[in-house]
PDB file of N, CA and C in Angstrom:
ATOM      1  N   UNK A   1     158.867 -33.567  51.772  1.00  0.00           N
ATOM      2  CA  UNK A   1     159.981 -32.634  51.541  1.00  0.00           C
ATOM      3  C   UNK A   1     159.594 -31.216  51.981  1.00  0.00           C
ATOM      4  N   UNK A   2     158.372 -30.807  51.657  1.00  0.00           N
ATOM      5  CA  UNK A   2     157.912 -29.478  52.042  1.00  0.00           C
ATOM      6  C   UNK A   2     157.832 -29.328  53.562  1.00  0.00           C
ATOM      7  N   UNK A   3     157.420 -30.406  54.205  1.00  0.00           N
ATOM      8  CA  UNK A   3     157.290 -30.370  55.666  1.00  0.00           C
ATOM      9  C   UNK A   3     158.646 -30.137  56.335  1.00  0.00           C
ATOM     10  N   UNK A   4     159.671 -30.809  55.794  1.00  0.00           N
ATOM     11  CA  UNK A   4     161.024 -30.672  56.351  1.00  0.00           C
ATOM     12  C   UNK A   4     161.510 -29.228  56.190  1.00  0.00           C
ATOM     13  N   UNK A   5     161.326 -28.653  55.027  1.00  0.00           N
ATOM     14  CA  UNK A   5     161.767 -27.278  54.790  1.00  0.00           C
ATOM     15  C   UNK A   5     160.984 -26.294  55.666  1.00  0.00           C
ATOM     16  N   UNK A   6     159.704 -26.606  55.878  1.00  0.00           N
ATOM     17  CA  UNK A   6     158.885 -25.754  56.761  1.00  0.00           C
ATOM     18  C   UNK A   6     159.426 -25.795  58.188  1.00  0.00           C
ATOM     19  N   UNK A   7     159.783 -27.006  58.656  1.00  0.00           N
ATOM     20  CA  UNK A   7     160.312 -27.146  60.020  1.00  0.00           C
ATOM     21  C   UNK A   7     161.603 -26.355  60.186  1.00  0.00           C
ATOM     22  N   UNK A   8     162.471 -26.424  59.190  1.00  0.00           N
ATOM     23  CA  UNK A   8     163.758 -25.715  59.248  1.00  0.00           C
ATOM     24  C   UNK A   8     163.519 -24.208  59.294  1.00  0.00           C
ATOM     25  N   UNK A   9     162.642 -23.707  58.425  1.00  0.00           N
ATOM     26  CA  UNK A   9     162.371 -22.266  58.394  1.00  0.00           C
ATOM     27  C   UNK A   9     161.703 -21.811  59.694  1.00  0.00           C
ATOM     28  N   UNK A  10     160.829 -22.656  60.239  1.00  0.00           N
ATOM     29  CA  UNK A  10     160.176 -22.313  61.506  1.00  0.00           C
ATOM     30  C   UNK A  10     161.198 -22.209  62.632  1.00  0.00           C
ATOM     31  N   UNK A  11     162.135 -23.169  62.667  1.00  0.00           N
ATOM     32  CA  UNK A  11     163.177 -23.157  63.700  1.00  0.00           C
ATOM     33  C   UNK A  11     164.029 -21.894  63.581  1.00  0.00           C
ATOM     34  N   UNK A  12     164.414 -21.531  62.371  1.00  0.00           N
ATOM     35  CA  UNK A  12     165.234 -20.339  62.151  1.00  0.00           C
ATOM     36  C   UNK A  12     164.491 -19.076  62.560  1.00  0.00           C
ATOM     37  N   UNK A  13     163.227 -18.967  62.171  1.00  0.00           N
ATOM     38  CA  UNK A  13     162.434 -17.791  62.523  1.00  0.00           C
ATOM     39  C   UNK A  13     162.242 -17.688  64.025  1.00  0.00           C
ATOM     40  N   UNK A  14     161.997 -18.819  64.668  1.00  0.00           N
ATOM     41  CA  UNK A  14     161.805 -18.822  66.113  1.00  0.00           C
ATOM     42  C   UNK A  14     163.083 -18.400  66.825  1.00  0.00           C
ATOM     43  N   UNK A  15     164.222 -18.890  66.313  1.00  0.00           N
ATOM     44  CA  UNK A  15     165.524 -18.541  66.908  1.00  0.00           C
ATOM     45  C   UNK A  15     165.775 -17.038  66.804  1.00  0.00           C
ATOM     46  N   UNK A  16     165.507 -16.475  65.623  1.00  0.00           N
ATOM     47  CA  UNK A  16     165.691 -15.026  65.413  1.00  0.00           C
ATOM     48  C   UNK A  16     164.771 -14.237  66.333  1.00  0.00           C
ATOM     49  N   UNK A  17     163.526 -14.670  66.432  1.00  0.00           N
ATOM     50  CA  UNK A  17     162.563 -13.996  67.310  1.00  0.00           C
ATOM     51  C   UNK A  17     163.023 -14.061  68.768  1.00  0.00           C
ATOM     52  N   UNK A  18     163.454 -15.252  69.195  1.00  0.00           N
ATOM     53  CA  UNK A  18     163.870 -15.429  70.590  1.00  0.00           C
ATOM     54  C   UNK A  18     165.079 -14.562  70.907  1.00  0.00           C
ATOM     55  N   UNK A  19     166.057 -14.539  70.015  1.00  0.00           N
ATOM     56  CA  UNK A  19     167.278 -13.755  70.242  1.00  0.00           C
ATOM     57  C   UNK A  19     166.946 -12.266  70.318  1.00  0.00           C
ATOM     58  N   UNK A  20     166.113 -11.784  69.390  1.00  0.00           N
ATOM     59  CA  UNK A  20     165.762 -10.365  69.396  1.00  0.00           C
ATOM     60  C   UNK A  20     164.954 -10.003  70.646  1.00  0.00           C
ATOM     61  N   UNK A  21     164.050 -10.891  71.054  1.00  0.00           N
ATOM     62  CA  UNK A  21     163.255 -10.661  72.265  1.00  0.00           C
ATOM     63  C   UNK A  21     164.156 -10.627  73.495  1.00  0.00           C
ATOM     64  N   UNK A  22     165.087 -11.562  73.554  1.00  0.00           N
ATOM     65  CA  UNK A  22     166.029 -11.643  74.679  1.00  0.00           C
ATOM     66  C   UNK A  22     166.880 -10.385  74.762  1.00  0.00           C
ATOM     67  N   UNK A  23     167.409  -9.950  73.630  1.00  0.00           N
ATOM     68  CA  UNK A  23     168.273  -8.769  73.604  1.00  0.00           C
ATOM     69  C   UNK A  23     167.500  -7.522  74.023  1.00  0.00           C
ATOM     70  N   UNK A  24     166.283  -7.371  73.490  1.00  0.00           N
ATOM     71  CA  UNK A  24     165.490  -6.178  73.804  1.00  0.00           C
ATOM     72  C   UNK A  24     165.190  -6.085  75.294  1.00  0.00           C
ATOM     73  N   UNK A  25     164.960  -7.215  75.948  1.00  0.00           N
ATOM     74  CA  UNK A  25     164.578  -7.191  77.363  1.00  0.00           C
ATOM     75  C   UNK A  25     165.786  -7.205  78.300  1.00  0.00           C
ATOM     76  N   UNK A  26     166.750  -8.055  78.011  1.00  0.00           N
ATOM     77  CA  UNK A  26     167.884  -8.201  78.923  1.00  0.00           C
ATOM     78  C   UNK A  26     168.833  -7.002  78.822  1.00  0.00           C
ATOM     79  N   UNK A  27     169.096  -6.547  77.600  1.00  0.00           N
ATOM     80  CA  UNK A  27     170.026  -5.431  77.423  1.00  0.00           C
ATOM     81  C   UNK A  27     169.283  -4.104  77.327  1.00  0.00           C
ATOM     82  N   UNK A  28     168.229  -3.982  78.089  1.00  0.00           N
ATOM     83  CA  UNK A  28     167.459  -2.739  78.107  1.00  0.00           C
ATOM     84  C   UNK A  28     168.117  -1.739  79.054  1.00  0.00           C
ATOM     85  N   UNK A  29     167.571  -0.537  79.078  1.00  0.00           N
ATOM     86  CA  UNK A  29     168.127   0.525  79.919  1.00  0.00           C
ATOM     87  C   UNK A  29     168.100   0.134  81.398  1.00  0.00           C
ATOM     88  N   UNK A  30     166.989  -0.472  81.835  1.00  0.00           N
ATOM     89  CA  UNK A  30     166.833  -0.839  83.245  1.00  0.00           C
ATOM     90  C   UNK A  30     167.922  -1.823  83.654  1.00  0.00           C
ATOM     91  N   UNK A  31     168.173  -2.819  82.800  1.00  0.00           N
ATOM     92  CA  UNK A  31     169.196  -3.833  83.086  1.00  0.00           C
ATOM     93  C   UNK A  31     170.570  -3.184  83.207  1.00  0.00           C
ATOM     94  N   UNK A  32     170.867  -2.272  82.270  1.00  0.00           N
ATOM     95  CA  UNK A  32     172.183  -1.636  82.278  1.00  0.00           C
ATOM     96  C   UNK A  32     172.327  -0.657  83.433  1.00  0.00           C
ATOM     97  N   UNK A  33     171.236  -0.025  83.830  1.00  0.00           N
ATOM     98  CA  UNK A  33     171.287   0.913  84.953  1.00  0.00           C
ATOM     99  C   UNK A  33     171.525   0.159  86.267  1.00  0.00           C
ATOM    100  N   UNK A  34     170.897  -1.012  86.401  1.00  0.00           N
ATOM    101  CA  UNK A  34     171.070  -1.835  87.605  1.00  0.00           C
ATOM    102  C   UNK A  34     172.512  -2.325  87.698  1.00  0.00           C
ATOM    103  N   UNK A  35     173.102  -2.690  86.578  1.00  0.00           N
ATOM    104  CA  UNK A  35     174.475  -3.214  86.568  1.00  0.00           C
ATOM    105  C   UNK A  35     175.513  -2.097  86.468  1.00  0.00           C
ATOM    106  N   UNK A  36     175.075  -0.863  86.664  1.00  0.00           N
ATOM    107  CA  UNK A  36     175.959   0.297  86.542  1.00  0.00           C
ATOM    108  C   UNK A  36     177.137   0.216  87.510  1.00  0.00           C
ATOM    109  N   UNK A  37     176.901  -0.214  88.740  1.00  0.00           N
ATOM    110  CA  UNK A  37     177.972  -0.259  89.739  1.00  0.00           C
ATOM    111  C   UNK A  37     179.007  -1.337  89.413  1.00  0.00           C
ATOM    112  N   UNK A  38     178.631  -2.344  88.627  1.00  0.00           N
ATOM    113  CA  UNK A  38     179.619  -3.336  88.174  1.00  0.00           C
ATOM    114  C   UNK A  38     180.561  -2.710  87.148  1.00  0.00           C
ATOM    115  N   UNK A  39     180.035  -1.787  86.341  1.00  0.00           N
ATOM    116  CA  UNK A  39     180.851  -1.092  85.347  1.00  0.00           C
ATOM    117  C   UNK A  39     181.985  -0.332  86.021  1.00  0.00           C
ATOM    118  N   UNK A  40     181.689   0.316  87.136  1.00  0.00           N
ATOM    119  CA  UNK A  40     182.692   1.150  87.796  1.00  0.00           C
ATOM    120  C   UNK A  40     183.823   0.306  88.370  1.00  0.00           C
ATOM    121  N   UNK A  41     183.536  -0.954  88.706  1.00  0.00           N
ATOM    122  CA  UNK A  41     184.564  -1.831  89.248  1.00  0.00           C
ATOM    123  C   UNK A  41     185.509  -2.350  88.160  1.00  0.00           C
ATOM    124  N   UNK A  42     185.058  -2.321  86.922  1.00  0.00           N
ATOM    125  CA  UNK A  42     185.910  -2.745  85.807  1.00  0.00           C
ATOM    126  C   UNK A  42     186.791  -1.585  85.355  1.00  0.00           C
ATOM    127  N   UNK A  43     187.751  -1.898  84.501  1.00  0.00           N
ATOM    128  CA  UNK A  43     188.554  -0.817  83.926  1.00  0.00           C
ATOM    129  C   UNK A  43     187.696  -0.033  82.941  1.00  0.00           C
ATOM    130  N   UNK A  44     188.098   1.203  82.681  1.00  0.00           N
ATOM    131  CA  UNK A  44     187.302   2.057  81.799  1.00  0.00           C
ATOM    132  C   UNK A  44     187.198   1.466  80.395  1.00  0.00           C
ATOM    133  N   UNK A  45     188.298   0.943  79.900  1.00  0.00           N
ATOM    134  CA  UNK A  45     188.325   0.383  78.543  1.00  0.00           C
ATOM    135  C   UNK A  45     187.320  -0.759  78.410  1.00  0.00           C
ATOM    136  N   UNK A  46     187.273  -1.629  79.404  1.00  0.00           N
ATOM    137  CA  UNK A  46     186.392  -2.790  79.355  1.00  0.00           C
ATOM    138  C   UNK A  46     184.929  -2.384  79.432  1.00  0.00           C
ATOM    139  N   UNK A  47     184.629  -1.373  80.261  1.00  0.00           N
ATOM    140  CA  UNK A  47     183.237  -0.920  80.396  1.00  0.00           C
ATOM    141  C   UNK A  47     182.759  -0.266  79.099  1.00  0.00           C
ATOM    142  N   UNK A  48     183.650   0.476  78.427  1.00  0.00           N
ATOM    143  CA  UNK A  48     183.293   1.088  77.135  1.00  0.00           C
ATOM    144  C   UNK A  48     183.029   0.001  76.103  1.00  0.00           C
ATOM    145  N   UNK A  49     183.858  -1.038  76.113  1.00  0.00           N
ATOM    146  CA  UNK A  49     183.661  -2.160  75.189  1.00  0.00           C
ATOM    147  C   UNK A  49     182.296  -2.811  75.417  1.00  0.00           C
ATOM    148  N   UNK A  50     181.939  -3.040  76.688  1.00  0.00           N
ATOM    149  CA  UNK A  50     180.651  -3.659  77.005  1.00  0.00           C
ATOM    150  C   UNK A  50     179.489  -2.789  76.556  1.00  0.00           C
ATOM    151  N   UNK A  51     179.619  -1.488  76.785  1.00  0.00           N
ATOM    152  CA  UNK A  51     178.557  -0.559  76.396  1.00  0.00           C
ATOM    153  C   UNK A  51     178.355  -0.578  74.884  1.00  0.00           C
ATOM    154  N   UNK A  52     179.467  -0.580  74.143  1.00  0.00           N
ATOM    155  CA  UNK A  52     179.376  -0.646  72.677  1.00  0.00           C
ATOM    156  C   UNK A  52     178.799  -1.978  72.228  1.00  0.00           C
ATOM    157  N   UNK A  53     179.156  -3.028  72.918  1.00  0.00           N
ATOM    158  CA  UNK A  53     178.645  -4.362  72.597  1.00  0.00           C
ATOM    159  C   UNK A  53     177.129  -4.411  72.756  1.00  0.00           C
ATOM    160  N   UNK A  54     176.628  -3.837  73.865  1.00  0.00           N
ATOM    161  CA  UNK A  54     175.182  -3.787  74.093  1.00  0.00           C
ATOM    162  C   UNK A  54     174.498  -2.947  73.018  1.00  0.00           C
ATOM    163  N   UNK A  55     175.156  -1.853  72.620  1.00  0.00           N
ATOM    164  CA  UNK A  55     174.569  -0.978  71.599  1.00  0.00           C
ATOM    165  C   UNK A  55     174.453  -1.702  70.268  1.00  0.00           C
ATOM    166  N   UNK A  56     175.498  -2.447  69.898  1.00  0.00           N
ATOM    167  CA  UNK A  56     175.484  -3.193  68.631  1.00  0.00           C
ATOM    168  C   UNK A  56     174.381  -4.255  68.669  1.00  0.00           C
ATOM    169  N   UNK A  57     174.262  -4.947  69.802  1.00  0.00           N
ATOM    170  CA  UNK A  57     173.207  -5.958  69.937  1.00  0.00           C
ATOM    171  C   UNK A  57     171.823  -5.331  69.816  1.00  0.00           C
ATOM    172  N   UNK A  58     171.643  -4.193  70.470  1.00  0.00           N
ATOM    173  CA  UNK A  58     170.329  -3.535  70.411  1.00  0.00           C
ATOM    174  C   UNK A  58     170.060  -3.016  69.001  1.00  0.00           C
ATOM    175  N   UNK A  59     171.127  -2.619  68.268  1.00  0.00           N
ATOM    176  CA  UNK A  59     170.952  -2.157  66.884  1.00  0.00           C
ATOM    177  C   UNK A  59     170.433  -3.292  66.008  1.00  0.00           C
ATOM    178  N   UNK A  60     171.005  -4.482  66.174  1.00  0.00           N
ATOM    179  CA  UNK A  60     170.581  -5.615  65.346  1.00  0.00           C
ATOM    180  C   UNK A  60     169.176  -6.092  65.717  1.00  0.00           C
ATOM    181  N   UNK A  61     168.787  -5.901  66.968  1.00  0.00           N
ATOM    182  CA  UNK A  61     167.448  -6.316  67.373  1.00  0.00           C
ATOM    183  C   UNK A  61     166.405  -5.241  67.078  1.00  0.00           C
ATOM    184  N   UNK A  62     166.868  -4.034  66.747  1.00  0.00           N
ATOM    185  CA  UNK A  62     165.927  -2.938  66.500  1.00  0.00           C
ATOM    186  C   UNK A  62     165.139  -3.175  65.217  1.00  0.00           C
ATOM    187  N   UNK A  63     163.846  -2.838  65.260  1.00  0.00           N
ATOM    188  CA  UNK A  63     163.016  -3.016  64.065  1.00  0.00           C
ATOM    189  C   UNK A  63     163.022  -1.772  63.194  1.00  0.00           C
ATOM    190  N   UNK A  64     163.344  -0.632  63.775  1.00  0.00           N
ATOM    191  CA  UNK A  64     163.428   0.591  62.974  1.00  0.00           C
ATOM    192  C   UNK A  64     164.442   1.548  63.580  1.00  0.00           C
ATOM    193  N   UNK A  65     164.715   2.636  62.881  1.00  0.00           N
ATOM    194  CA  UNK A  65     165.716   3.610  63.311  1.00  0.00           C
ATOM    195  C   UNK A  65     165.281   4.365  64.572  1.00  0.00           C
ATOM    196  N   UNK A  66     164.010   4.532  64.764  1.00  0.00           N
ATOM    197  CA  UNK A  66     163.503   5.263  65.927  1.00  0.00           C
ATOM    198  C   UNK A  66     163.895   4.555  67.222  1.00  0.00           C
ATOM    199  N   UNK A  67     163.750   3.240  67.216  1.00  0.00           N
ATOM    200  CA  UNK A  67     164.118   2.431  68.382  1.00  0.00           C
ATOM    201  C   UNK A  67     165.603   2.604  68.698  1.00  0.00           C
ATOM    202  N   UNK A  68     166.430   2.594  67.653  1.00  0.00           N
ATOM    203  CA  UNK A  68     167.879   2.725  67.854  1.00  0.00           C
ATOM    204  C   UNK A  68     168.240   4.121  68.341  1.00  0.00           C
ATOM    205  N   UNK A  69     167.546   5.148  67.844  1.00  0.00           N
ATOM    206  CA  UNK A  69     167.839   6.519  68.277  1.00  0.00           C
ATOM    207  C   UNK A  69     167.509   6.699  69.762  1.00  0.00           C
ATOM    208  N   UNK A  70     166.466   6.011  70.242  1.00  0.00           N
ATOM    209  CA  UNK A  70     166.150   6.045  71.676  1.00  0.00           C
ATOM    210  C   UNK A  70     167.271   5.394  72.484  1.00  0.00           C
ATOM    211  N   UNK A  71     167.826   4.321  71.967  1.00  0.00           N
ATOM    212  CA  UNK A  71     168.939   3.650  72.644  1.00  0.00           C
ATOM    213  C   UNK A  71     170.144   4.586  72.711  1.00  0.00           C
ATOM    214  N   UNK A  72     170.373   5.339  71.643  1.00  0.00           N
ATOM    215  CA  UNK A  72     171.511   6.250  71.613  1.00  0.00           C
ATOM    216  C   UNK A  72     171.344   7.386  72.627  1.00  0.00           C
ATOM    217  N   UNK A  73     170.122   7.844  72.826  1.00  0.00           N
ATOM    218  CA  UNK A  73     169.862   8.864  73.856  1.00  0.00           C
ATOM    219  C   UNK A  73     170.207   8.317  75.232  1.00  0.00           C
ATOM    220  N   UNK A  74     169.863   7.054  75.456  1.00  0.00           N
ATOM    221  CA  UNK A  74     170.179   6.400  76.737  1.00  0.00           C
ATOM    222  C   UNK A  74     171.692   6.273  76.888  1.00  0.00           C
ATOM    223  N   UNK A  75     172.398   5.992  75.788  1.00  0.00           N
ATOM    224  CA  UNK A  75     173.860   5.891  75.806  1.00  0.00           C
ATOM    225  C   UNK A  75     174.486   7.172  76.329  1.00  0.00           C
ATOM    226  N   UNK A  76     173.915   8.318  75.959  1.00  0.00           N
ATOM    227  CA  UNK A  76     174.465   9.602  76.392  1.00  0.00           C
ATOM    228  C   UNK A  76     174.217   9.842  77.877  1.00  0.00           C
ATOM    229  N   UNK A  77     173.172   9.230  78.421  1.00  0.00           N
ATOM    230  CA  UNK A  77     172.862   9.380  79.850  1.00  0.00           C
ATOM    231  C   UNK A  77     173.817   8.536  80.701  1.00  0.00           C
ATOM    232  N   UNK A  78     174.219   7.380  80.182  1.00  0.00           N
ATOM    233  CA  UNK A  78     174.985   6.414  80.968  1.00  0.00           C
ATOM    234  C   UNK A  78     176.287   6.976  81.556  1.00  0.00           C
ATOM    235  N   UNK A  79     177.146   7.688  80.797  1.00  0.00           N
ATOM    236  CA  UNK A  79     178.383   8.209  81.391  1.00  0.00           C
ATOM    237  C   UNK A  79     178.122   9.110  82.598  1.00  0.00           C
ATOM    238  N   UNK A  80     177.059   9.925  82.550  1.00  0.00           N
ATOM    239  CA  UNK A  80     176.703  10.791  83.674  1.00  0.00           C
ATOM    240  C   UNK A  80     176.322   9.950  84.888  1.00  0.00           C
ATOM    241  N   UNK A  81     175.577   8.872  84.651  1.00  0.00           N
ATOM    242  CA  UNK A  81     175.182   7.972  85.741  1.00  0.00           C
ATOM    243  C   UNK A  81     176.411   7.295  86.346  1.00  0.00           C
ATOM    244  N   UNK A  82     177.384   6.954  85.501  1.00  0.00           N
ATOM    245  CA  UNK A  82     178.613   6.331  85.991  1.00  0.00           C
ATOM    246  C   UNK A  82     179.393   7.293  86.878  1.00  0.00           C
ATOM    247  N   UNK A  83     179.492   8.555  86.460  1.00  0.00           N
ATOM    248  CA  UNK A  83     180.223   9.552  87.253  1.00  0.00           C
ATOM    249  C   UNK A  83     179.549   9.757  88.613  1.00  0.00           C
ATOM    250  N   UNK A  84     178.231   9.767  88.626  1.00  0.00           N
ATOM    251  CA  UNK A  84     177.496   9.928  89.884  1.00  0.00           C
ATOM    252  C   UNK A  84     177.737   8.720  90.791  1.00  0.00           C
ATOM    253  N   UNK A  85     177.845   7.540  90.190  1.00  0.00           N
ATOM    254  CA  UNK A  85     178.065   6.309  90.952  1.00  0.00           C
ATOM    255  C   UNK A  85     179.439   6.319  91.614  1.00  0.00           C
ATOM    256  N   UNK A  86     180.440   6.884  90.912  1.00  0.00           N
ATOM    257  CA  UNK A  86     181.804   6.923  91.439  1.00  0.00           C
ATOM    258  C   UNK A  86     181.916   7.853  92.642  1.00  0.00           C
ATOM    259  N   UNK A  87     181.124   8.919  92.654  1.00  0.00           N
ATOM    260  CA  UNK A  87     181.195   9.935  93.736  1.00  0.00           C
ATOM    261  C   UNK A  87     180.505   9.470  94.982  1.00  0.00           C
TER     262      UNK A  87
END
């Protein structure tokens, strides 16, 4: 019985670790900067939704407030990068 419960908890912990690792790497600043030109092709409303979605994901994967505050600084840079891309 203990072995079964251990397996279940291990699977859950591994899943949480994998999801947080995936989010931290895939939805990083570099990934979003590379896909910046795709944002400009979408409507403004949709691109804002995606940006907020990435921010929420990074918030849940963040281990502390410092990590999230760095993400927020990057958020402020992104609109400027988008305007430069449009020109």
